[in-house]
Amino acid sequence: MKIGIAADHGGFELKQVIHNLLISLEYEIADFGAFEKDDLDDYPDYIIPLAKAVANKQVDKGIAICGSGVGAAIVANKLPGVRASLINDHFSAHQGVEDDDMNIICLGGRITGTAVAKELVEAFVVAKFSGGEKYVRRLEKISQLEKLGG
């Protein structure tokens, strides 16, 4: 499985931790930056390329990190085919994939501790969409909305 990861300055340190975790778990990683901490960078510059890669299926899942995770979730969800969510608990990290086919987890580098972040990422990357009838039906409604442009 290929996992994309991206962060701005607010998520830079946590991205390094998660990157190392993914390597230890033997995932293929596509790193969309930032590659150095720059307090003047902007999260859309990193999260948009990650979200495009998820939408275009160049990566299987994505991990987006900014200071709070909120901005990352907002910008990622602007792209059709992306289902990103700010996640702060273990249940939602896997349930979001199982029921809603979430394909980007958003984390807050200033909010989420490293131990919790590792737990959330591990739950996210191993989770699989259940494909249940009601979940597929709901996703189709979202897809139709995206096709209509809102």
N, C-alpha and C. Protein backbone atom coordinates (compact mmCIF):
# COMPACT_ATOMS: atom_id res chain seq x y z
N MET A 1 0.85 -1.17 0.00
CA MET A 1 0.00 0.00 0.00
C MET A 1 0.90 1.24 0.00
N LYS A 2 0.50 2.21 -0.81
CA LYS A 2 1.25 3.47 -0.90
C LYS A 2 0.49 4.55 -0.13
N ILE A 3 1.18 5.17 0.81
CA ILE A 3 0.59 6.20 1.67
C ILE A 3 1.24 7.53 1.35
N GLY A 4 0.41 8.56 1.10
CA GLY A 4 0.91 9.91 0.92
C GLY A 4 0.88 10.65 2.25
N ILE A 5 1.82 11.54 2.44
CA ILE A 5 1.89 12.32 3.67
C ILE A 5 2.29 13.74 3.34
N ALA A 6 1.69 14.70 4.04
CA ALA A 6 2.02 16.10 3.83
C ALA A 6 1.76 16.89 5.11
N ALA A 7 2.53 17.95 5.29
CA ALA A 7 2.35 18.81 6.45
C ALA A 7 2.97 20.18 6.18
N ASP A 8 2.40 21.17 6.84
CA ASP A 8 3.01 22.50 6.85
C ASP A 8 3.89 22.61 8.10
N HIS A 9 4.29 23.82 8.42
CA HIS A 9 5.15 24.03 9.59
C HIS A 9 4.48 23.60 10.90
N GLY A 10 3.16 23.74 10.98
CA GLY A 10 2.44 23.36 12.20
C GLY A 10 2.39 21.86 12.43
N GLY A 11 2.60 21.09 11.38
CA GLY A 11 2.59 19.64 11.50
C GLY A 11 3.92 19.00 11.16
N PHE A 12 4.94 19.82 10.95
CA PHE A 12 6.22 19.32 10.46
C PHE A 12 6.82 18.24 11.38
N GLU A 13 6.91 18.52 12.68
CA GLU A 13 7.53 17.55 13.59
C GLU A 13 6.73 16.25 13.65
N LEU A 14 5.40 16.35 13.72
CA LEU A 14 4.57 15.15 13.77
C LEU A 14 4.69 14.37 12.46
N LYS A 15 4.82 15.06 11.34
CA LYS A 15 5.01 14.37 10.06
C LYS A 15 6.26 13.53 10.08
N GLN A 16 7.33 14.03 10.66
CA GLN A 16 8.58 13.27 10.74
C GLN A 16 8.37 11.97 11.53
N VAL A 17 7.64 12.06 12.63
CA VAL A 17 7.35 10.89 13.46
C VAL A 17 6.52 9.88 12.68
N ILE A 18 5.47 10.36 12.02
CA ILE A 18 4.57 9.47 11.27
C ILE A 18 5.30 8.87 10.07
N HIS A 19 6.13 9.64 9.43
CA HIS A 19 6.92 9.14 8.30
C HIS A 19 7.77 7.96 8.76
N ASN A 20 8.45 8.12 9.88
CA ASN A 20 9.28 7.04 10.41
C ASN A 20 8.45 5.82 10.81
N LEU A 21 7.27 6.06 11.36
CA LEU A 21 6.37 4.95 11.69
C LEU A 21 6.00 4.17 10.43
N LEU A 22 5.63 4.87 9.38
CA LEU A 22 5.24 4.21 8.13
C LEU A 22 6.39 3.40 7.54
N ILE A 23 7.60 3.92 7.64
CA ILE A 23 8.77 3.18 7.18
C ILE A 23 8.92 1.90 7.99
N SER A 24 8.78 2.00 9.31
CA SER A 24 8.93 0.82 10.17
C SER A 24 7.86 -0.23 9.90
N LEU A 25 6.69 0.22 9.43
CA LEU A 25 5.60 -0.70 9.09
C LEU A 25 5.69 -1.18 7.64
N GLU A 26 6.74 -0.73 6.95
CA GLU A 26 7.06 -1.16 5.58
C GLU A 26 6.04 -0.73 4.53
N TYR A 27 5.47 0.46 4.72
CA TYR A 27 4.60 1.04 3.70
C TYR A 27 5.45 1.83 2.72
N GLU A 28 4.99 1.88 1.48
CA GLU A 28 5.60 2.77 0.49
C GLU A 28 5.06 4.17 0.78
N ILE A 29 5.93 5.16 0.75
CA ILE A 29 5.53 6.52 1.14
C ILE A 29 5.78 7.49 0.00
N ALA A 30 4.79 8.35 -0.24
CA ALA A 30 4.95 9.49 -1.14
C ALA A 30 4.88 10.72 -0.25
N ASP A 31 5.99 11.43 -0.13
CA ASP A 31 6.09 12.59 0.76
C ASP A 31 5.89 13.86 -0.05
N PHE A 32 4.85 14.61 0.29
CA PHE A 32 4.52 15.84 -0.43
C PHE A 32 5.03 17.09 0.28
N GLY A 33 5.90 16.90 1.27
CA GLY A 33 6.46 18.04 1.99
C GLY A 33 5.61 18.40 3.19
N ALA A 34 6.02 19.37 3.87
CA ALA A 34 7.22 20.18 3.75
C ALA A 34 8.45 19.35 4.10
N PHE A 35 9.56 19.77 3.52
CA PHE A 35 10.81 19.05 3.73
C PHE A 35 11.73 19.76 4.70
N GLU A 36 11.33 20.95 5.09
CA GLU A 36 12.02 21.70 6.15
C GLU A 36 10.99 22.60 6.81
N LYS A 37 11.24 22.94 8.04
CA LYS A 37 10.28 23.78 8.76
C LYS A 37 10.45 25.23 8.35
N ASP A 38 9.35 25.81 7.91
CA ASP A 38 9.31 27.21 7.49
C ASP A 38 8.03 27.80 8.04
N ASP A 39 8.15 28.64 9.05
CA ASP A 39 6.96 29.19 9.71
C ASP A 39 6.09 30.05 8.80
N LEU A 40 6.57 30.36 7.61
CA LEU A 40 5.79 31.18 6.69
C LEU A 40 5.11 30.36 5.60
N ASP A 41 5.26 29.03 5.64
CA ASP A 41 4.61 28.24 4.59
C ASP A 41 3.11 28.17 4.82
N ASP A 42 2.39 27.69 3.81
CA ASP A 42 0.93 27.61 3.84
C ASP A 42 0.49 26.18 3.59
N TYR A 43 -0.38 25.66 4.46
CA TYR A 43 -0.79 24.24 4.35
C TYR A 43 -1.39 23.88 2.99
N PRO A 44 -2.13 24.76 2.29
CA PRO A 44 -2.65 24.33 0.98
C PRO A 44 -1.56 23.92 -0.01
N ASP A 45 -0.37 24.51 0.12
CA ASP A 45 0.72 24.19 -0.81
C ASP A 45 1.17 22.74 -0.72
N TYR A 46 0.92 22.09 0.40
CA TYR A 46 1.32 20.69 0.60
C TYR A 46 0.12 19.75 0.57
N ILE A 47 -0.99 20.21 1.13
CA ILE A 47 -2.17 19.34 1.25
C ILE A 47 -2.86 19.16 -0.10
N ILE A 48 -2.90 20.19 -0.93
CA ILE A 48 -3.56 20.07 -2.24
C ILE A 48 -2.87 19.00 -3.11
N PRO A 49 -1.54 19.01 -3.25
CA PRO A 49 -0.92 17.93 -4.04
C PRO A 49 -1.19 16.54 -3.46
N LEU A 50 -1.20 16.41 -2.14
CA LEU A 50 -1.54 15.13 -1.52
C LEU A 50 -2.96 14.72 -1.87
N ALA A 51 -3.90 15.65 -1.73
CA ALA A 51 -5.31 15.35 -2.01
C ALA A 51 -5.50 14.99 -3.49
N LYS A 52 -4.80 15.67 -4.38
CA LYS A 52 -4.88 15.32 -5.80
C LYS A 52 -4.37 13.91 -6.04
N ALA A 53 -3.30 13.53 -5.38
CA ALA A 53 -2.75 12.19 -5.54
C ALA A 53 -3.72 11.13 -5.02
N VAL A 54 -4.42 11.43 -3.93
CA VAL A 54 -5.43 10.50 -3.41
C VAL A 54 -6.60 10.41 -4.40
N ALA A 55 -7.08 11.56 -4.85
CA ALA A 55 -8.22 11.59 -5.78
C ALA A 55 -7.90 10.86 -7.07
N ASN A 56 -6.66 10.98 -7.55
CA ASN A 56 -6.24 10.35 -8.80
C ASN A 56 -5.73 8.92 -8.60
N LYS A 57 -5.81 8.44 -7.36
CA LYS A 57 -5.40 7.08 -7.00
C LYS A 57 -3.91 6.80 -7.25
N GLN A 58 -3.11 7.86 -7.15
CA GLN A 58 -1.66 7.69 -7.21
C GLN A 58 -1.12 7.18 -5.88
N VAL A 59 -1.88 7.44 -4.82
CA VAL A 59 -1.61 6.86 -3.51
C VAL A 59 -2.92 6.26 -3.01
N ASP A 60 -2.82 5.27 -2.13
CA ASP A 60 -4.01 4.58 -1.64
C ASP A 60 -4.72 5.37 -0.55
N LYS A 61 -3.94 5.99 0.33
CA LYS A 61 -4.49 6.77 1.44
C LYS A 61 -3.54 7.92 1.71
N GLY A 62 -4.06 8.93 2.41
CA GLY A 62 -3.24 10.09 2.72
C GLY A 62 -3.31 10.48 4.17
N ILE A 63 -2.23 11.12 4.63
CA ILE A 63 -2.14 11.65 5.97
C ILE A 63 -1.77 13.12 5.82
N ALA A 64 -2.66 14.00 6.29
CA ALA A 64 -2.47 15.45 6.16
C ALA A 64 -2.37 16.06 7.55
N ILE A 65 -1.33 16.85 7.78
CA ILE A 65 -1.09 17.41 9.11
C ILE A 65 -0.83 18.90 9.00
N CYS A 66 -1.59 19.66 9.76
CA CYS A 66 -1.31 21.08 9.94
C CYS A 66 -1.37 21.35 11.45
N GLY A 67 -1.39 22.59 11.86
CA GLY A 67 -1.37 22.89 13.29
C GLY A 67 -2.51 22.26 14.06
N SER A 68 -3.73 22.44 13.57
CA SER A 68 -4.91 21.89 14.25
C SER A 68 -5.51 20.70 13.50
N GLY A 69 -5.20 20.56 12.24
CA GLY A 69 -5.81 19.55 11.38
C GLY A 69 -7.05 20.06 10.67
N VAL A 70 -7.59 21.17 11.12
CA VAL A 70 -8.82 21.71 10.55
C VAL A 70 -8.59 22.23 9.13
N GLY A 71 -7.58 23.05 8.96
CA GLY A 71 -7.30 23.60 7.63
C GLY A 71 -7.00 22.50 6.63
N ALA A 72 -6.24 21.50 7.05
CA ALA A 72 -5.92 20.37 6.17
C ALA A 72 -7.20 19.68 5.70
N ALA A 73 -8.14 19.45 6.62
CA ALA A 73 -9.40 18.79 6.27
C ALA A 73 -10.22 19.66 5.32
N ILE A 74 -10.25 20.94 5.58
CA ILE A 74 -11.05 21.84 4.73
C ILE A 74 -10.53 21.82 3.30
N VAL A 75 -9.24 22.02 3.12
CA VAL A 75 -8.70 22.11 1.76
C VAL A 75 -8.74 20.76 1.06
N ALA A 76 -8.46 19.67 1.77
CA ALA A 76 -8.47 18.35 1.13
C ALA A 76 -9.85 18.02 0.59
N ASN A 77 -10.89 18.38 1.33
CA ASN A 77 -12.25 18.05 0.92
C ASN A 77 -12.77 18.90 -0.23
N LYS A 78 -11.99 19.83 -0.72
CA LYS A 78 -12.39 20.62 -1.89
C LYS A 78 -12.24 19.82 -3.18
N LEU A 79 -11.51 18.72 -3.14
CA LEU A 79 -11.28 17.92 -4.35
C LEU A 79 -12.27 16.77 -4.43
N PRO A 80 -12.93 16.63 -5.57
CA PRO A 80 -13.85 15.49 -5.75
C PRO A 80 -13.11 14.16 -5.54
N GLY A 81 -13.76 13.26 -4.87
CA GLY A 81 -13.18 11.95 -4.62
C GLY A 81 -12.40 11.85 -3.32
N VAL A 82 -12.18 12.99 -2.68
CA VAL A 82 -11.47 12.99 -1.41
C VAL A 82 -12.49 12.99 -0.28
N ARG A 83 -12.23 12.13 0.69
CA ARG A 83 -13.05 12.07 1.90
C ARG A 83 -12.09 12.15 3.08
N ALA A 84 -11.85 13.39 3.51
CA ALA A 84 -10.88 13.67 4.57
C ALA A 84 -11.60 14.08 5.84
N SER A 85 -11.01 13.71 6.96
CA SER A 85 -11.60 14.11 8.23
C SER A 85 -10.52 14.30 9.29
N LEU A 86 -10.74 15.30 10.12
CA LEU A 86 -9.92 15.51 11.31
C LEU A 86 -10.27 14.41 12.29
N ILE A 87 -9.28 13.66 12.72
CA ILE A 87 -9.51 12.52 13.59
C ILE A 87 -8.73 12.71 14.89
N ASN A 88 -9.45 12.51 16.01
CA ASN A 88 -8.84 12.65 17.32
C ASN A 88 -9.05 11.43 18.21
N ASP A 89 -9.71 10.38 17.69
CA ASP A 89 -9.95 9.20 18.51
C ASP A 89 -9.81 7.93 17.68
N HIS A 90 -9.48 6.86 18.35
CA HIS A 90 -9.21 5.57 17.71
C HIS A 90 -10.41 5.05 16.93
N PHE A 91 -11.60 5.12 17.51
CA PHE A 91 -12.79 4.59 16.84
C PHE A 91 -12.99 5.26 15.48
N SER A 92 -12.95 6.58 15.46
CA SER A 92 -13.18 7.30 14.20
C SER A 92 -12.08 7.05 13.17
N ALA A 93 -10.87 6.76 13.62
CA ALA A 93 -9.76 6.50 12.70
C ALA A 93 -10.04 5.29 11.83
N HIS A 94 -10.67 4.26 12.39
CA HIS A 94 -10.98 3.09 11.56
C HIS A 94 -12.42 3.12 11.05
N GLN A 95 -13.34 3.60 11.84
CA GLN A 95 -14.75 3.65 11.43
C GLN A 95 -14.94 4.57 10.23
N GLY A 96 -14.18 5.66 10.18
CA GLY A 96 -14.28 6.57 9.04
C GLY A 96 -13.94 5.89 7.72
N VAL A 97 -13.05 4.93 7.77
CA VAL A 97 -12.71 4.15 6.57
C VAL A 97 -13.77 3.08 6.34
N GLU A 98 -14.11 2.34 7.39
CA GLU A 98 -15.03 1.21 7.26
C GLU A 98 -16.41 1.61 6.75
N ASP A 99 -16.93 2.72 7.25
CA ASP A 99 -18.29 3.14 6.89
C ASP A 99 -18.34 4.24 5.83
N ASP A 100 -17.36 5.14 5.82
CA ASP A 100 -17.42 6.31 4.95
C ASP A 100 -16.32 6.34 3.89
N ASP A 101 -15.52 5.30 3.84
CA ASP A 101 -14.43 5.20 2.87
C ASP A 101 -13.50 6.42 2.92
N MET A 102 -13.26 6.92 4.15
CA MET A 102 -12.34 8.03 4.35
C MET A 102 -11.00 7.65 3.75
N ASN A 103 -10.42 8.56 2.97
CA ASN A 103 -9.15 8.25 2.35
C ASN A 103 -8.01 9.19 2.75
N ILE A 104 -8.33 10.20 3.54
CA ILE A 104 -7.29 11.05 4.12
C ILE A 104 -7.63 11.28 5.59
N ILE A 105 -6.66 10.99 6.44
CA ILE A 105 -6.79 11.32 7.86
C ILE A 105 -6.06 12.64 8.08
N CYS A 106 -6.70 13.53 8.81
CA CYS A 106 -6.10 14.82 9.12
C CYS A 106 -5.80 14.87 10.61
N LEU A 107 -4.61 15.33 10.92
CA LEU A 107 -4.16 15.40 12.30
C LEU A 107 -3.66 16.80 12.62
N GLY A 108 -3.73 17.16 13.89
CA GLY A 108 -3.23 18.45 14.35
C GLY A 108 -1.87 18.30 15.00
N GLY A 109 -0.87 18.84 14.38
CA GLY A 109 0.49 18.75 14.90
C GLY A 109 0.67 19.44 16.23
N ARG A 110 -0.16 20.43 16.51
CA ARG A 110 -0.09 21.14 17.79
C ARG A 110 -1.09 20.59 18.79
N ILE A 111 -1.91 19.64 18.36
CA ILE A 111 -3.00 19.12 19.18
C ILE A 111 -2.77 17.66 19.57
N THR A 112 -2.35 16.85 18.60
CA THR A 112 -2.26 15.41 18.77
C THR A 112 -0.87 14.99 19.21
N GLY A 113 -0.78 14.32 20.34
CA GLY A 113 0.50 13.81 20.81
C GLY A 113 1.01 12.70 19.92
N THR A 114 2.30 12.44 19.98
CA THR A 114 2.89 11.47 19.06
C THR A 114 2.38 10.05 19.29
N ALA A 115 2.22 9.64 20.54
CA ALA A 115 1.75 8.28 20.80
C ALA A 115 0.34 8.09 20.27
N VAL A 116 -0.52 9.07 20.50
CA VAL A 116 -1.90 9.00 20.00
C VAL A 116 -1.90 9.04 18.47
N ALA A 117 -1.10 9.92 17.90
CA ALA A 117 -1.03 10.02 16.43
C ALA A 117 -0.62 8.70 15.81
N LYS A 118 0.35 8.04 16.39
CA LYS A 118 0.78 6.73 15.87
C LYS A 118 -0.38 5.73 15.92
N GLU A 119 -1.10 5.72 17.02
CA GLU A 119 -2.24 4.81 17.17
C GLU A 119 -3.31 5.10 16.13
N LEU A 120 -3.61 6.39 15.92
CA LEU A 120 -4.63 6.77 14.95
C LEU A 120 -4.21 6.39 13.53
N VAL A 121 -2.98 6.64 13.19
CA VAL A 121 -2.49 6.33 11.85
C VAL A 121 -2.51 4.82 11.62
N GLU A 122 -2.07 4.05 12.60
CA GLU A 122 -2.08 2.60 12.43
C GLU A 122 -3.50 2.07 12.23
N ALA A 123 -4.46 2.60 12.99
CA ALA A 123 -5.85 2.17 12.82
C ALA A 123 -6.37 2.56 11.44
N PHE A 124 -6.02 3.75 10.98
CA PHE A 124 -6.46 4.25 9.68
C PHE A 124 -5.91 3.42 8.53
N VAL A 125 -4.60 3.16 8.53
CA VAL A 125 -4.00 2.51 7.36
C VAL A 125 -4.42 1.05 7.21
N VAL A 126 -4.75 0.37 8.31
CA VAL A 126 -5.16 -1.03 8.18
C VAL A 126 -6.66 -1.20 7.95
N ALA A 127 -7.43 -0.15 8.20
CA ALA A 127 -8.89 -0.24 8.04
C ALA A 127 -9.26 -0.38 6.57
N LYS A 128 -10.33 -1.11 6.34
CA LYS A 128 -10.85 -1.34 4.98
C LYS A 128 -12.32 -0.92 4.92
N PHE A 129 -12.71 -0.37 3.78
CA PHE A 129 -14.11 -0.02 3.56
C PHE A 129 -14.94 -1.29 3.55
N SER A 130 -16.05 -1.28 4.30
CA SER A 130 -16.87 -2.48 4.44
C SER A 130 -17.66 -2.81 3.17
N GLY A 131 -17.99 -1.79 2.39
CA GLY A 131 -18.76 -2.03 1.18
C GLY A 131 -20.22 -2.34 1.43
N GLY A 132 -20.67 -2.12 2.65
CA GLY A 132 -22.07 -2.36 2.98
C GLY A 132 -23.01 -1.54 2.11
N GLU A 133 -24.19 -2.09 1.85
CA GLU A 133 -25.15 -1.46 0.94
C GLU A 133 -25.47 -0.02 1.34
N LYS A 134 -25.75 0.22 2.60
CA LYS A 134 -26.12 1.58 3.01
C LYS A 134 -24.94 2.54 2.89
N TYR A 135 -23.71 2.04 3.06
CA TYR A 135 -22.54 2.91 2.94
C TYR A 135 -22.25 3.25 1.49
N VAL A 136 -22.41 2.28 0.63
CA VAL A 136 -22.24 2.52 -0.81
C VAL A 136 -23.30 3.52 -1.29
N ARG A 137 -24.54 3.35 -0.84
CA ARG A 137 -25.62 4.26 -1.22
C ARG A 137 -25.29 5.69 -0.79
N ARG A 138 -24.78 5.85 0.40
CA ARG A 138 -24.42 7.19 0.91
C ARG A 138 -23.28 7.80 0.12
N LEU A 139 -22.29 6.98 -0.21
CA LEU A 139 -21.17 7.49 -0.99
C LEU A 139 -21.61 7.90 -2.39
N GLU A 140 -22.57 7.19 -2.96
CA GLU A 140 -23.09 7.55 -4.27
C GLU A 140 -23.77 8.92 -4.22
N LYS A 141 -24.46 9.21 -3.14
CA LYS A 141 -25.08 10.54 -2.98
C LYS A 141 -24.02 11.63 -2.91
N ILE A 142 -22.92 11.35 -2.26
CA ILE A 142 -21.83 12.31 -2.20
C ILE A 142 -21.22 12.49 -3.58
N SER A 143 -21.01 11.40 -4.29
CA SER A 143 -20.46 11.45 -5.64
C SER A 143 -21.35 12.27 -6.58
N GLN A 144 -22.65 12.09 -6.46
CA GLN A 144 -23.59 12.87 -7.29
C GLN A 144 -23.48 14.36 -6.97
N LEU A 145 -23.34 14.70 -5.71
CA LEU A 145 -23.17 16.10 -5.31
C LEU A 145 -21.90 16.68 -5.91
N GLU A 146 -20.83 15.90 -5.87
CA GLU A 146 -19.57 16.36 -6.44
C GLU A 146 -19.69 16.61 -7.94
N LYS A 147 -20.41 15.74 -8.63
CA LYS A 147 -20.60 15.88 -10.08
C LYS A 147 -21.41 17.13 -10.42
N LEU A 148 -22.31 17.50 -9.54
CA LEU A 148 -23.14 18.69 -9.75
C LEU A 148 -22.40 19.97 -9.35
N GLY A 149 -21.26 19.82 -8.73
CA GLY A 149 -20.49 20.99 -8.30
C GLY A 149 -21.06 21.64 -7.05
N GLY A 150 -21.74 20.86 -6.23
CA GLY A 150 -22.23 21.40 -4.95
C GLY A 150 -23.65 21.53 -4.95
